[in-house]
Amino acid sequence: MRIVVEVRSPPQRLPGRPLLPVAGIPLAVLAALRAGNGGHQTVLAASRDPGNDSLCAAAIARGLKVVRGAGDDGLALLLTCAGDLADDDIVVRFTDDDVVPDGDFAAMLADGLAGGDGDILGTAWPEAGLPFGVRGEAIRVGALRRFAGQANAAERQLPTAVLWRLGRVAAVNDLAGGIDTARYRCAVVSFADYVRIKALFAGIADPITVPWRQLVERLAQTPEKDWLLGPRPAAPDRAAEFVLGTVQIGLPYGTLRKFSMPDDAGATSLLHRAAEIGVRQFDTARNYGRSEERVGDALAGLGSAAPAVVTKLDPFFFVPADAPEWAVRSAVQASVFASCRALRTRHLPVLLLHLAHTRTSWNGAAWRCLLEMRDQGIIGRLGISVQNAIEAEQAIGDPDVEQIQLPANILDHRWRQAGIPALLAERPDIVVHARSVFLQGVLLSGDVGGWPARDPAMAQRLIDWLQGLTRELGLASVAHLLVGYLRSLGWIHGLVLGVENEAQLAANMRLFEAPLLSREAIERIEQSRPHFPDWLLDPGRWKGGAWN
């Protein structure tokens, strides 16, 4: 067995994280020393970035072996660390921000993998009962080599993601010995996190040899509320919930057909009824016409029973690419405060970027402004509405992103193929909402006339597939199939569905009261899914009813 402690890029909120001292030792060095305290060879793996030079020097001074490689290819670096090992050897991987695991923890993972036939074994949160941020993986070297060539760009940055996607996976549960510490936070992505980790090691005689279980037990006894996580995202066995999309109450909407927009009284009645029957979240946006205004009017009459609101930043089509930072900041602040005014609130619980590139446009000026507004309490969670797997991968890689909205439906194979569920497994703090569940109503149409018009024969094949699966699985309708599939995947927390009237609202709510689909049913769906052109998944490419 060999242990590899990977030095990851520090979060924007905590630059220089690997060098921050805990018990007088740089964080990353302490993580490696603790991981190797059982006598197994331990390697600190870091990029060649000059910013890591001081860290690597400190590690070498402590007797650690250091291996360096390209910063954007963690998979290649991990393979280099295991280069002289045999295929049946095992590598245990930790990260530099996790100082709880020790040599005993590493041996436990390695023994668990060696005792089975899996390719990778890891700690699942929250099932393992460990604090959020305490994790590790044991990997068969041969499997890592075998699957490396099939890794996409994002999986090369998160080196074991391809194994989670393609390999034989095993997870270890209830490692905390019955102590419920999964509600505690040990991740180090902010200065407050760092202060808490320092406090955890305060007064310990030997921070390198203290057993990991003793640290977990010590954490469980702390009275500090700051250690507690906020509301936990849905566990894999919990169904995604109904999130009411409100674009239809703000403007005419749709590609193949336009959805009618209710009047003011009708919009208020619809939103009030949604709250009454148990919808807990509304989804809106700055550029959804009158949607924010109408949501704000409705919420004003609901008091404490009002659902939470997720809104989106103006897309800033009017801001030039070379706009100065002061102009970008002014536009961002104007959008945020306009949303606050329309929604009748001083605080936006969740704000998403409507366009993913806003995070990096204008040299990051818009995103920096939003981070400041979040830290001031004007914004709660920040997130991104993404269009494709590349945007999702980049969002997941930013520790300041805490929510993602993406288009997903029963035909959409892109997320699984790109390994997005595996990437999200490393970020269980991210809440995921899915939109385009019915693909603007196309998937509900049993008539090829309701589908884009270029290939009626293929549309009929997809219709037959959907209706056949509905009968085979004993479901009440195609709508139950479409919603039930996404609800049962486990990595999606909410489905954004729009409605035109109260009858549709009630019908959609019933879809969320049905039992989840079995794992066998999900596999049947994914294995039998017909082939089709990817542009079917993007209404913007239908061009008025015909595919390009």
Protein backbone atom coordinates (compact mmCIF):
# COMPACT_ATOMS: atom_id res chain seq x y z
CA MET A 1 0.00 0.00 0.00
CA ARG A 2 1.10 3.54 -0.77
CA ILE A 3 -0.59 6.68 0.52
CA VAL A 4 -0.88 9.78 -1.67
CA VAL A 5 -1.93 13.13 -0.21
CA GLU A 6 -2.96 15.40 -3.05
CA VAL A 7 -2.42 19.14 -2.73
CA ARG A 8 -5.43 20.76 -4.37
CA SER A 9 -5.81 24.34 -5.53
CA PRO A 10 -6.82 26.46 -2.53
CA PRO A 11 -10.29 28.05 -2.58
CA GLN A 12 -10.64 31.74 -3.41
CA ARG A 13 -11.77 32.43 0.14
CA LEU A 14 -8.64 30.86 1.64
CA PRO A 15 -5.52 31.48 -0.46
CA GLY A 16 -2.41 29.78 0.84
CA ARG A 17 -4.44 27.08 2.61
CA PRO A 18 -1.81 24.28 2.41
CA LEU A 19 0.69 26.41 4.37
CA LEU A 20 -1.65 27.54 7.14
CA PRO A 21 -0.28 26.18 10.44
CA VAL A 22 -2.22 23.69 12.57
CA ALA A 23 -0.43 22.73 15.77
CA GLY A 24 2.62 24.50 14.34
CA ILE A 25 2.73 22.39 11.16
CA PRO A 26 1.56 23.45 7.69
CA LEU A 27 -1.91 22.01 7.05
CA ALA A 28 -0.92 19.90 4.03
CA VAL A 29 2.24 18.61 5.73
CA LEU A 30 0.26 17.64 8.83
CA ALA A 31 -2.24 15.77 6.63
CA ALA A 32 0.61 13.77 5.04
CA LEU A 33 2.43 13.09 8.32
CA ARG A 34 -0.76 11.83 9.95
CA ALA A 35 -1.63 9.67 6.93
CA GLY A 36 1.80 8.05 7.10
CA ASN A 37 1.98 7.57 10.88
CA GLY A 38 1.40 3.82 10.46
CA GLY A 39 4.71 3.36 8.65
CA HIS A 40 3.44 3.11 5.08
CA GLN A 41 5.23 5.14 2.43
CA THR A 42 3.45 8.46 1.98
CA VAL A 43 3.79 10.86 -0.94
CA LEU A 44 2.76 14.50 -1.07
CA ALA A 45 1.57 15.16 -4.63
CA ALA A 46 1.64 18.80 -5.72
CA SER A 47 1.59 20.78 -8.94
CA ARG A 48 4.69 22.46 -10.34
CA ASP A 49 3.18 25.86 -9.60
CA PRO A 50 5.92 27.99 -7.94
CA GLY A 51 3.38 28.78 -5.23
CA ASN A 52 3.90 25.25 -3.93
CA ASP A 53 7.69 25.53 -3.64
CA SER A 54 7.69 26.54 0.04
CA LEU A 55 5.18 23.82 0.92
CA CYS A 56 7.22 21.14 -0.82
CA ALA A 57 10.38 22.32 0.93
CA ALA A 58 8.62 22.08 4.29
CA ALA A 59 7.40 18.56 3.46
CA ILE A 60 10.87 17.39 2.42
CA ALA A 61 12.32 18.85 5.63
CA ARG A 62 9.88 16.62 7.54
CA GLY A 63 11.09 13.52 5.66
CA LEU A 64 8.19 13.25 3.23
CA LYS A 65 8.57 12.22 -0.39
CA VAL A 66 7.24 14.86 -2.82
CA VAL A 67 6.09 14.25 -6.39
CA ARG A 68 5.16 17.18 -8.63
CA GLY A 69 3.29 17.36 -11.93
CA ALA A 70 0.93 19.39 -14.09
CA GLY A 71 -1.62 21.33 -12.08
CA ASP A 72 -4.50 20.61 -14.46
CA ASP A 73 -3.98 16.83 -14.61
CA GLY A 74 -4.38 15.27 -11.20
CA LEU A 75 -4.92 11.86 -12.78
CA ALA A 76 -1.49 11.92 -14.44
CA LEU A 77 0.05 13.02 -11.14
CA LEU A 78 -1.61 10.16 -9.27
CA LEU A 79 -0.42 7.69 -11.91
CA THR A 80 3.12 9.06 -11.52
CA CYS A 81 2.94 8.55 -7.76
CA ALA A 82 1.99 4.91 -8.38
CA GLY A 83 4.37 4.43 -11.30
CA ASP A 84 6.56 1.73 -9.73
CA LEU A 85 3.71 -0.24 -8.16
CA ALA A 86 2.24 -3.48 -9.50
CA ASP A 87 -1.30 -3.60 -10.89
CA ASP A 88 -2.60 -5.47 -7.85
CA ASP A 89 -1.12 -2.94 -5.40
CA ILE A 90 -3.33 -0.39 -3.66
CA VAL A 91 -3.03 3.37 -3.39
CA VAL A 92 -4.93 5.26 -0.70
CA ARG A 93 -5.71 8.83 -1.67
CA PHE A 94 -6.35 11.71 0.73
CA THR A 95 -6.39 15.47 0.15
CA ASP A 96 -4.30 18.17 1.77
CA ASP A 97 -7.21 19.90 3.53
CA ASP A 98 -8.22 16.77 5.50
CA VAL A 99 -6.09 16.34 8.61
CA VAL A 100 -8.33 13.88 10.48
CA PRO A 101 -7.40 10.60 8.68
CA ASP A 102 -4.31 8.76 9.88
CA GLY A 103 -2.42 5.57 9.09
CA ASP A 104 -5.07 3.41 10.76
CA PHE A 105 -7.77 5.07 8.64
CA ALA A 106 -5.71 4.41 5.50
CA ALA A 107 -5.14 0.75 6.42
CA MET A 108 -8.86 0.30 7.08
CA LEU A 109 -9.67 1.53 3.56
CA ALA A 110 -6.95 -0.59 1.95
CA ASP A 111 -8.04 -3.74 3.83
CA GLY A 112 -11.64 -3.13 2.82
CA LEU A 113 -10.70 -2.92 -0.86
CA ALA A 114 -8.34 -5.90 -0.69
CA GLY A 115 -11.09 -8.03 0.83
CA GLY A 116 -13.42 -7.57 -2.15
CA ASP A 117 -13.37 -7.40 -5.92
CA GLY A 118 -13.93 -3.65 -6.35
CA ASP A 119 -11.73 -1.22 -8.23
CA ILE A 120 -12.22 1.64 -5.78
CA LEU A 121 -13.52 1.92 -2.24
CA GLY A 122 -14.37 5.22 -0.62
CA THR A 123 -16.16 6.88 2.25
CA ALA A 124 -19.69 7.97 1.37
CA TRP A 125 -21.08 11.06 3.08
CA PRO A 126 -23.34 11.05 5.06
CA GLU A 127 -23.69 7.24 5.12
CA ALA A 128 -20.24 6.73 6.66
CA GLY A 129 -21.29 8.83 9.66
CA LEU A 130 -18.12 10.90 9.35
CA PRO A 131 -18.01 14.71 9.43
CA PHE A 132 -18.37 16.45 6.09
CA GLY A 133 -14.84 16.81 4.71
CA VAL A 134 -13.38 13.66 6.31
CA ARG A 135 -12.91 11.25 3.45
CA GLY A 136 -10.54 8.88 1.69
CA GLU A 137 -10.32 6.41 -1.18
CA ALA A 138 -8.51 3.14 -1.76
CA ILE A 139 -7.72 2.40 -5.43
CA ARG A 140 -6.41 -0.64 -7.27
CA VAL A 141 -3.47 0.57 -9.34
CA GLY A 142 -4.33 -1.68 -12.27
CA ALA A 143 -7.86 -0.29 -12.50
CA LEU A 144 -6.53 3.25 -12.38
CA ARG A 145 -4.24 2.51 -15.31
CA ARG A 146 -6.96 0.66 -17.22
CA PHE A 147 -9.55 3.43 -17.06
CA ALA A 148 -7.22 6.46 -17.29
CA GLY A 149 -7.50 6.65 -21.07
CA GLN A 150 -11.30 7.05 -20.81
CA ALA A 151 -11.20 10.05 -18.47
CA ASN A 152 -12.62 13.34 -19.72
CA ALA A 153 -11.07 16.74 -18.99
CA ALA A 154 -12.84 17.22 -15.67
CA GLU A 155 -12.04 13.69 -14.54
CA ARG A 156 -8.36 14.31 -15.15
CA GLN A 157 -8.55 17.13 -12.61
CA LEU A 158 -10.39 14.95 -10.06
CA PRO A 159 -8.23 11.85 -10.54
CA THR A 160 -10.53 9.10 -9.27
CA ALA A 161 -13.75 10.36 -10.88
CA VAL A 162 -13.32 8.05 -13.89
CA LEU A 163 -13.17 5.05 -11.55
CA TRP A 164 -16.35 6.12 -9.81
CA ARG A 165 -18.00 6.35 -13.22
CA LEU A 166 -16.69 3.20 -14.92
CA GLY A 167 -15.18 0.94 -12.27
CA ARG A 168 -16.54 -1.46 -9.68
CA VAL A 169 -17.32 0.77 -6.73
CA ALA A 170 -17.57 -0.07 -3.04
CA ALA A 171 -18.37 2.28 -0.17
CA VAL A 172 -17.83 1.91 3.56
CA ASN A 173 -20.57 3.00 5.93
CA ASP A 174 -20.89 3.79 9.65
CA LEU A 175 -17.20 4.33 10.29
CA ALA A 176 -17.94 6.60 13.23
CA GLY A 177 -19.05 3.65 15.34
CA GLY A 178 -22.59 4.84 15.85
CA ILE A 179 -21.62 8.43 16.70
CA ASP A 180 -23.60 10.81 14.47
CA THR A 181 -20.94 13.24 13.31
CA ALA A 182 -22.17 13.57 9.72
CA ARG A 183 -23.87 16.82 10.70
CA TYR A 184 -20.49 18.38 11.56
CA ARG A 185 -18.20 20.19 9.14
CA CYS A 186 -14.48 19.51 8.82
CA ALA A 187 -13.94 20.86 5.30
CA VAL A 188 -11.43 23.73 5.15
CA VAL A 189 -12.65 26.19 2.51
CA SER A 190 -12.88 29.39 4.55
CA PHE A 191 -10.94 31.11 7.32
CA ALA A 192 -13.67 30.17 9.80
CA ASP A 193 -13.19 26.50 8.84
CA TYR A 194 -9.45 26.86 9.45
CA VAL A 195 -10.00 28.38 12.89
CA ARG A 196 -12.24 25.45 13.84
CA ILE A 197 -9.64 22.87 12.72
CA LYS A 198 -6.97 24.68 14.75
CA ALA A 199 -9.26 24.48 17.77
CA LEU A 200 -9.80 20.74 17.22
CA PHE A 201 -6.04 20.13 17.62
CA ALA A 202 -5.53 22.64 20.42
CA GLY A 203 -4.05 21.07 23.55
CA ILE A 204 -3.23 17.74 21.90
CA ALA A 205 0.24 16.58 22.89
CA ASP A 206 1.15 14.95 19.58
CA PRO A 207 -0.95 16.09 16.61
CA ILE A 208 0.72 13.57 14.29
CA THR A 209 -0.11 10.40 16.24
CA VAL A 210 -3.46 11.23 17.84
CA PRO A 211 -5.90 8.56 16.56
CA TRP A 212 -8.50 9.69 14.05
CA ARG A 213 -11.34 8.23 16.13
CA GLN A 214 -10.25 10.34 19.10
CA LEU A 215 -10.51 13.47 16.95
CA VAL A 216 -13.98 12.47 15.75
CA GLU A 217 -15.11 11.77 19.31
CA ARG A 218 -13.70 15.11 20.41
CA LEU A 219 -15.60 16.83 17.65
CA ALA A 220 -18.85 15.12 18.65
CA GLN A 221 -18.46 16.52 22.18
CA THR A 222 -17.97 20.13 21.13
CA PRO A 223 -20.78 22.50 22.08
CA GLU A 224 -19.93 24.95 19.34
CA LYS A 225 -22.85 25.49 16.95
CA ASP A 226 -20.41 26.80 14.35
CA TRP A 227 -19.30 23.24 13.69
CA LEU A 228 -22.76 22.27 12.47
CA LEU A 229 -23.61 22.13 8.80
CA GLY A 230 -26.54 24.03 7.39
CA PRO A 231 -29.51 22.13 5.92
CA ARG A 232 -28.13 18.94 4.45
CA PRO A 233 -28.71 18.26 0.76
CA ALA A 234 -30.84 15.26 -0.09
CA ALA A 235 -29.27 11.89 0.59
CA PRO A 236 -29.13 9.44 -2.33
CA ASP A 237 -32.27 7.64 -1.14
CA ARG A 238 -34.31 10.81 -0.81
CA ALA A 239 -36.48 11.97 -3.70
CA ALA A 240 -36.00 15.25 -5.50
CA GLU A 241 -38.72 17.74 -4.58
CA PHE A 242 -41.08 19.90 -6.63
CA VAL A 243 -39.68 23.39 -7.31
CA LEU A 244 -42.23 25.65 -8.99
CA GLY A 245 -40.84 27.40 -12.06
CA THR A 246 -42.37 30.83 -12.59
CA VAL A 247 -41.23 31.93 -16.03
CA GLN A 248 -44.78 31.30 -17.31
CA ILE A 249 -46.24 33.91 -14.98
CA GLY A 250 -43.74 36.53 -16.13
CA LEU A 251 -43.69 36.35 -19.92
CA PRO A 252 -44.91 34.30 -22.91
CA TYR A 253 -42.75 31.17 -22.96
CA GLY A 254 -42.04 28.21 -25.21
CA THR A 255 -40.38 27.29 -28.49
CA LEU A 256 -42.80 25.01 -30.33
CA ARG A 257 -45.80 26.58 -28.63
CA LYS A 258 -46.24 29.60 -26.39
CA PHE A 259 -47.60 29.11 -22.88
CA SER A 260 -50.28 31.58 -21.90
CA MET A 261 -49.51 34.05 -19.11
CA PRO A 262 -52.10 34.56 -16.32
CA ASP A 263 -53.26 37.99 -15.16
CA ASP A 264 -52.14 39.42 -11.79
CA ALA A 265 -54.97 37.85 -9.79
CA GLY A 266 -54.47 34.50 -11.50
CA ALA A 267 -50.72 34.54 -10.83
CA THR A 268 -51.21 35.34 -7.13
CA SER A 269 -53.87 32.65 -6.78
CA LEU A 270 -51.62 30.09 -8.46
CA LEU A 271 -48.64 30.87 -6.23
CA HIS A 272 -50.75 30.87 -3.07
CA ARG A 273 -52.22 27.51 -4.02
CA ALA A 274 -48.73 26.12 -4.61
CA ALA A 275 -47.71 27.11 -1.09
CA GLU A 276 -50.90 25.58 0.33
CA ILE A 277 -50.30 22.15 -1.22
CA GLY A 278 -46.69 21.97 -0.04
CA VAL A 279 -44.42 23.48 -2.71
CA ARG A 280 -41.45 24.80 -0.72
CA GLN A 281 -39.42 26.62 -3.39
CA PHE A 282 -40.15 29.00 -6.25
CA ASP A 283 -37.68 29.51 -9.11
CA THR A 284 -37.55 32.88 -10.89
CA ALA A 285 -35.08 35.25 -12.57
CA ARG A 286 -34.39 38.93 -13.14
CA ASN A 287 -35.13 38.59 -16.86
CA TYR A 288 -38.33 36.52 -16.56
CA GLY A 289 -40.44 39.57 -17.35
CA ARG A 290 -42.80 40.27 -14.42
CA SER A 291 -42.07 36.97 -12.66
CA GLU A 292 -40.07 38.37 -9.71
CA GLU A 293 -42.62 41.13 -9.17
CA ARG A 294 -45.52 38.69 -9.15
CA VAL A 295 -43.69 36.26 -6.87
CA GLY A 296 -42.95 39.14 -4.49
CA ASP A 297 -46.61 40.20 -4.46
CA ALA A 298 -47.72 36.66 -3.67
CA LEU A 299 -45.10 36.10 -0.96
CA ALA A 300 -46.11 39.30 0.80
CA GLY A 301 -49.44 37.69 1.64
CA LEU A 302 -48.01 34.41 2.92
CA GLY A 303 -45.88 35.53 5.87
CA SER A 304 -43.89 32.73 7.49
CA ALA A 305 -45.55 30.16 5.22
CA ALA A 306 -43.87 31.66 2.15
CA PRO A 307 -41.74 29.24 0.11
CA ALA A 308 -38.05 29.99 -0.38
CA VAL A 309 -37.06 31.75 -3.61
CA VAL A 310 -34.25 30.95 -6.02
CA THR A 311 -33.61 33.80 -8.46
CA LYS A 312 -31.04 34.56 -11.12
CA LEU A 313 -28.82 37.51 -11.96
CA ASP A 314 -29.47 39.64 -15.01
CA PRO A 315 -27.51 38.11 -17.95
CA PHE A 316 -26.01 41.57 -18.75
CA PHE A 317 -26.32 41.37 -22.52
CA PHE A 318 -25.92 45.15 -22.51
CA VAL A 319 -22.54 45.22 -20.70
CA PRO A 320 -19.58 45.33 -23.14
CA ALA A 321 -16.86 42.70 -22.80
CA ASP A 322 -14.28 45.43 -22.07
CA ALA A 323 -16.38 47.28 -19.48
CA PRO A 324 -14.34 48.60 -16.51
CA GLU A 325 -14.77 46.96 -13.13
CA TRP A 326 -16.71 49.87 -11.65
CA ALA A 327 -19.31 49.58 -14.44
CA VAL A 328 -19.65 45.81 -13.99
CA ARG A 329 -20.04 46.19 -10.24
CA SER A 330 -22.71 48.82 -10.73
CA ALA A 331 -24.63 46.51 -13.06
CA VAL A 332 -24.37 43.60 -10.60
CA GLN A 333 -25.54 45.70 -7.66
CA ALA A 334 -28.39 47.13 -9.70
CA SER A 335 -29.58 43.63 -10.63
CA VAL A 336 -29.35 42.29 -7.08
CA PHE A 337 -31.18 45.23 -5.53
CA ALA A 338 -33.81 45.20 -8.27
CA SER A 339 -34.49 41.55 -7.38
CA CYS A 340 -34.68 42.47 -3.70
CA ARG A 341 -37.15 45.24 -4.46
CA ALA A 342 -39.33 43.05 -6.71
CA LEU A 343 -39.32 40.17 -4.23
CA ARG A 344 -39.89 42.55 -1.28
CA THR A 345 -36.90 41.33 0.68
CA ARG A 346 -33.52 42.58 1.88
CA HIS A 347 -31.90 39.18 1.48
CA LEU A 348 -31.82 36.80 -1.50
CA PRO A 349 -31.62 33.23 -0.11
CA VAL A 350 -30.21 31.82 -3.37
CA LEU A 351 -28.87 33.75 -6.35
CA LEU A 352 -27.70 31.97 -9.50
CA LEU A 353 -25.74 33.30 -12.43
CA HIS A 354 -28.11 33.03 -15.39
CA LEU A 355 -25.11 32.55 -17.70
CA ALA A 356 -22.16 30.50 -16.49
CA HIS A 357 -19.54 32.66 -18.23
CA THR A 358 -20.50 35.60 -16.00
CA ARG A 359 -18.29 34.01 -13.32
CA THR A 360 -15.14 34.68 -15.36
CA SER A 361 -16.18 37.52 -17.67
CA TRP A 362 -14.77 41.01 -17.08
CA ASN A 363 -11.75 39.40 -15.35
CA GLY A 364 -14.06 38.01 -12.66
CA ALA A 365 -15.39 41.44 -11.60
CA ALA A 366 -19.05 40.37 -11.44
CA TRP A 367 -18.28 37.25 -9.40
CA ARG A 368 -16.05 39.17 -6.97
CA CYS A 369 -18.84 41.67 -6.41
CA LEU A 370 -21.32 38.85 -5.70
CA LEU A 371 -18.92 37.22 -3.24
CA GLU A 372 -18.68 40.52 -1.37
CA MET A 373 -22.48 40.86 -1.30
CA ARG A 374 -22.74 37.31 -0.02
CA ASP A 375 -20.25 38.03 2.76
CA GLN A 376 -22.29 41.15 3.63
CA GLY A 377 -25.40 39.01 4.10
CA ILE A 378 -27.31 40.38 1.10
CA ILE A 379 -27.06 37.00 -0.65
CA GLY A 380 -27.26 33.58 1.00
CA ARG A 381 -26.06 30.87 -1.39
CA LEU A 382 -24.42 31.58 -4.74
CA GLY A 383 -24.78 29.26 -7.68
CA ILE A 384 -24.81 28.91 -11.45
CA SER A 385 -27.35 27.92 -14.07
CA VAL A 386 -25.33 25.77 -16.47
CA GLN A 387 -26.07 24.59 -20.01
CA ASN A 388 -23.63 21.73 -20.53
CA ALA A 389 -21.21 19.36 -18.84
CA ILE A 390 -18.17 21.61 -19.27
CA GLU A 391 -19.92 24.46 -17.46
CA ALA A 392 -21.04 22.04 -14.75
CA GLU A 393 -17.50 20.72 -14.26
CA GLN A 394 -16.14 24.24 -13.90
CA ALA A 395 -18.88 25.20 -11.44
CA ILE A 396 -18.27 22.12 -9.29
CA GLY A 397 -14.58 23.02 -9.18
CA ASP A 398 -15.29 26.42 -7.59
CA PRO A 399 -15.78 26.02 -3.81
CA ASP A 400 -17.84 29.22 -3.69
CA VAL A 401 -20.51 27.65 -5.90
CA GLU A 402 -23.11 26.08 -3.62
CA GLN A 403 -25.99 25.49 -6.02
CA ILE A 404 -26.30 24.40 -9.65
CA GLN A 405 -29.26 24.33 -12.00
CA LEU A 406 -28.95 22.23 -15.15
CA PRO A 407 -31.20 20.91 -17.93
CA ALA A 408 -32.00 17.22 -17.43
CA ASN A 409 -34.60 14.77 -18.61
CA ILE A 410 -34.99 11.07 -19.32
CA LEU A 411 -33.27 11.39 -22.72
CA ASP A 412 -30.30 13.33 -21.39
CA HIS A 413 -27.25 11.05 -21.26
CA ARG A 414 -24.67 13.86 -21.13
CA TRP A 415 -24.35 14.22 -17.37
CA ARG A 416 -23.63 10.57 -16.67
CA GLN A 417 -21.25 10.25 -19.61
CA ALA A 418 -19.30 13.28 -18.38
CA GLY A 419 -19.10 11.87 -14.85
CA ILE A 420 -21.03 14.75 -13.28
CA PRO A 421 -22.65 12.58 -10.55
CA ALA A 422 -19.17 11.38 -9.54
CA LEU A 423 -17.84 14.94 -9.44
CA LEU A 424 -20.79 15.99 -7.31
CA ALA A 425 -20.02 13.16 -4.91
CA GLU A 426 -16.93 15.15 -3.94
CA ARG A 427 -19.08 18.25 -3.37
CA PRO A 428 -22.06 17.05 -1.29
CA ASP A 429 -22.59 20.66 -0.17
CA ILE A 430 -23.86 21.58 -3.66
CA VAL A 431 -27.63 21.60 -4.17
CA VAL A 432 -28.67 20.54 -7.68
CA HIS A 433 -31.92 21.56 -9.39
CA ALA A 434 -32.95 20.22 -12.79
CA ARG A 435 -35.00 22.12 -15.36
CA SER A 436 -36.35 21.09 -18.79
CA VAL A 437 -37.80 17.90 -17.27
CA PHE A 438 -40.49 17.71 -19.97
CA LEU A 439 -38.34 19.41 -22.65
CA GLN A 440 -40.88 22.25 -22.99
CA GLY A 441 -43.72 19.70 -23.13
CA VAL A 442 -42.32 17.77 -26.11
CA LEU A 443 -41.75 14.58 -24.11
CA LEU A 444 -45.39 14.57 -22.99
CA SER A 445 -46.71 14.65 -26.54
CA GLY A 446 -47.87 11.32 -27.93
CA ASP A 447 -48.23 12.86 -31.39
CA VAL A 448 -45.24 13.49 -33.65
CA GLY A 449 -46.85 16.85 -34.46
CA GLY A 450 -45.87 18.01 -30.97
CA TRP A 451 -42.20 17.25 -31.61
CA PRO A 452 -39.62 19.18 -33.66
CA ALA A 453 -40.41 18.43 -37.27
CA ARG A 454 -37.26 17.28 -39.06
CA ASP A 455 -37.45 13.53 -38.41
CA PRO A 456 -40.98 12.27 -37.65
CA ALA A 457 -39.83 8.64 -37.77
CA MET A 458 -37.31 9.19 -34.99
CA ALA A 459 -39.86 11.15 -32.98
CA GLN A 460 -42.24 8.20 -33.27
CA ARG A 461 -39.52 5.81 -32.05
CA LEU A 462 -38.98 7.96 -28.97
CA ILE A 463 -42.73 8.22 -28.35
CA ASP A 464 -43.05 4.42 -28.62
CA TRP A 465 -40.11 3.99 -26.23
CA LEU A 466 -41.58 6.31 -23.61
CA GLN A 467 -45.04 4.77 -23.80
CA GLY A 468 -43.65 1.23 -23.80
CA LEU A 469 -41.55 1.89 -20.69
CA THR A 470 -44.53 3.46 -18.94
CA ARG A 471 -46.55 0.27 -19.51
CA GLU A 472 -43.65 -2.05 -18.68
CA LEU A 473 -42.95 -0.34 -15.34
CA GLY A 474 -46.62 -0.14 -14.42
CA LEU A 475 -46.71 3.65 -14.20
CA ALA A 476 -49.82 5.77 -14.52
CA SER A 477 -48.53 8.06 -17.29
CA VAL A 478 -45.50 9.17 -19.27
CA ALA A 479 -45.32 12.17 -16.93
CA HIS A 480 -44.87 9.76 -13.99
CA LEU A 481 -42.02 8.10 -15.90
CA LEU A 482 -40.29 11.40 -16.72
CA VAL A 483 -40.49 12.77 -13.17
CA GLY A 484 -39.96 9.44 -11.44
CA TYR A 485 -36.70 8.81 -13.29
CA LEU A 486 -35.10 12.10 -12.26
CA ARG A 487 -36.49 11.94 -8.71
CA SER A 488 -34.88 8.53 -8.23
CA LEU A 489 -31.33 9.31 -9.44
CA GLY A 490 -30.20 10.53 -6.03
CA TRP A 491 -27.91 13.39 -7.08
CA ILE A 492 -30.69 15.85 -8.01
CA HIS A 493 -32.42 17.66 -5.14
CA GLY A 494 -35.21 19.54 -6.93
CA LEU A 495 -37.08 19.48 -10.25
CA VAL A 496 -38.15 22.85 -11.64
CA LEU A 497 -41.57 22.51 -13.27
CA GLY A 498 -43.67 25.36 -14.59
CA VAL A 499 -47.46 25.33 -14.73
CA GLU A 500 -50.14 27.37 -16.50
CA ASN A 501 -53.03 26.82 -14.11
CA GLU A 502 -54.07 25.23 -10.81
CA ALA A 503 -55.15 21.99 -12.48
CA GLN A 504 -51.63 21.49 -13.85
CA LEU A 505 -50.21 22.43 -10.46
CA ALA A 506 -52.24 19.73 -8.70
CA ALA A 507 -51.37 17.17 -11.38
CA ASN A 508 -47.64 17.93 -11.08
CA MET A 509 -47.77 17.69 -7.29
CA ARG A 510 -49.25 14.19 -7.58
CA LEU A 511 -46.22 13.16 -9.63
CA PHE A 512 -44.06 13.81 -6.56
CA GLU A 513 -46.24 11.67 -4.31
CA ALA A 514 -45.57 8.48 -6.31
CA PRO A 515 -43.02 5.88 -5.12
CA LEU A 516 -39.45 6.14 -6.37
CA LEU A 517 -38.31 3.92 -9.21
CA SER A 518 -36.16 0.93 -8.33
CA ARG A 519 -32.50 0.70 -9.27
CA GLU A 520 -33.45 -2.04 -11.72
CA ALA A 521 -36.01 0.27 -13.36
CA ILE A 522 -33.42 3.05 -13.73
CA GLU A 523 -30.95 0.60 -15.30
CA ARG A 524 -33.66 -0.61 -17.69
CA ILE A 525 -34.34 2.98 -18.78
CA GLU A 526 -30.68 3.82 -19.32
CA GLN A 527 -29.83 0.59 -21.13
CA SER A 528 -32.79 0.82 -23.52
CA ARG A 529 -32.57 4.56 -24.27
CA PRO A 530 -32.65 5.08 -28.08
CA HIS A 531 -29.99 7.02 -29.94
CA PHE A 532 -30.89 10.54 -31.10
CA PRO A 533 -29.10 13.77 -32.11
CA ASP A 534 -27.89 15.83 -29.16
CA TRP A 535 -29.47 19.02 -30.44
CA LEU A 536 -32.88 17.59 -29.54
CA LEU A 537 -31.91 18.39 -25.94
CA ASP A 538 -31.48 22.11 -26.72
CA PRO A 539 -34.69 23.96 -27.66
CA GLY A 540 -32.58 26.90 -28.77
CA ARG A 541 -31.39 24.77 -31.71
CA TRP A 542 -34.82 23.67 -32.92
CA LYS A 543 -35.18 26.80 -35.10
CA GLY A 544 -38.92 27.15 -34.95
CA GLY A 545 -39.73 23.47 -35.00
CA ALA A 546 -36.98 21.96 -37.12
CA TRP A 547 -33.65 20.56 -36.03
CA ASN A 548 -30.52 21.91 -37.69
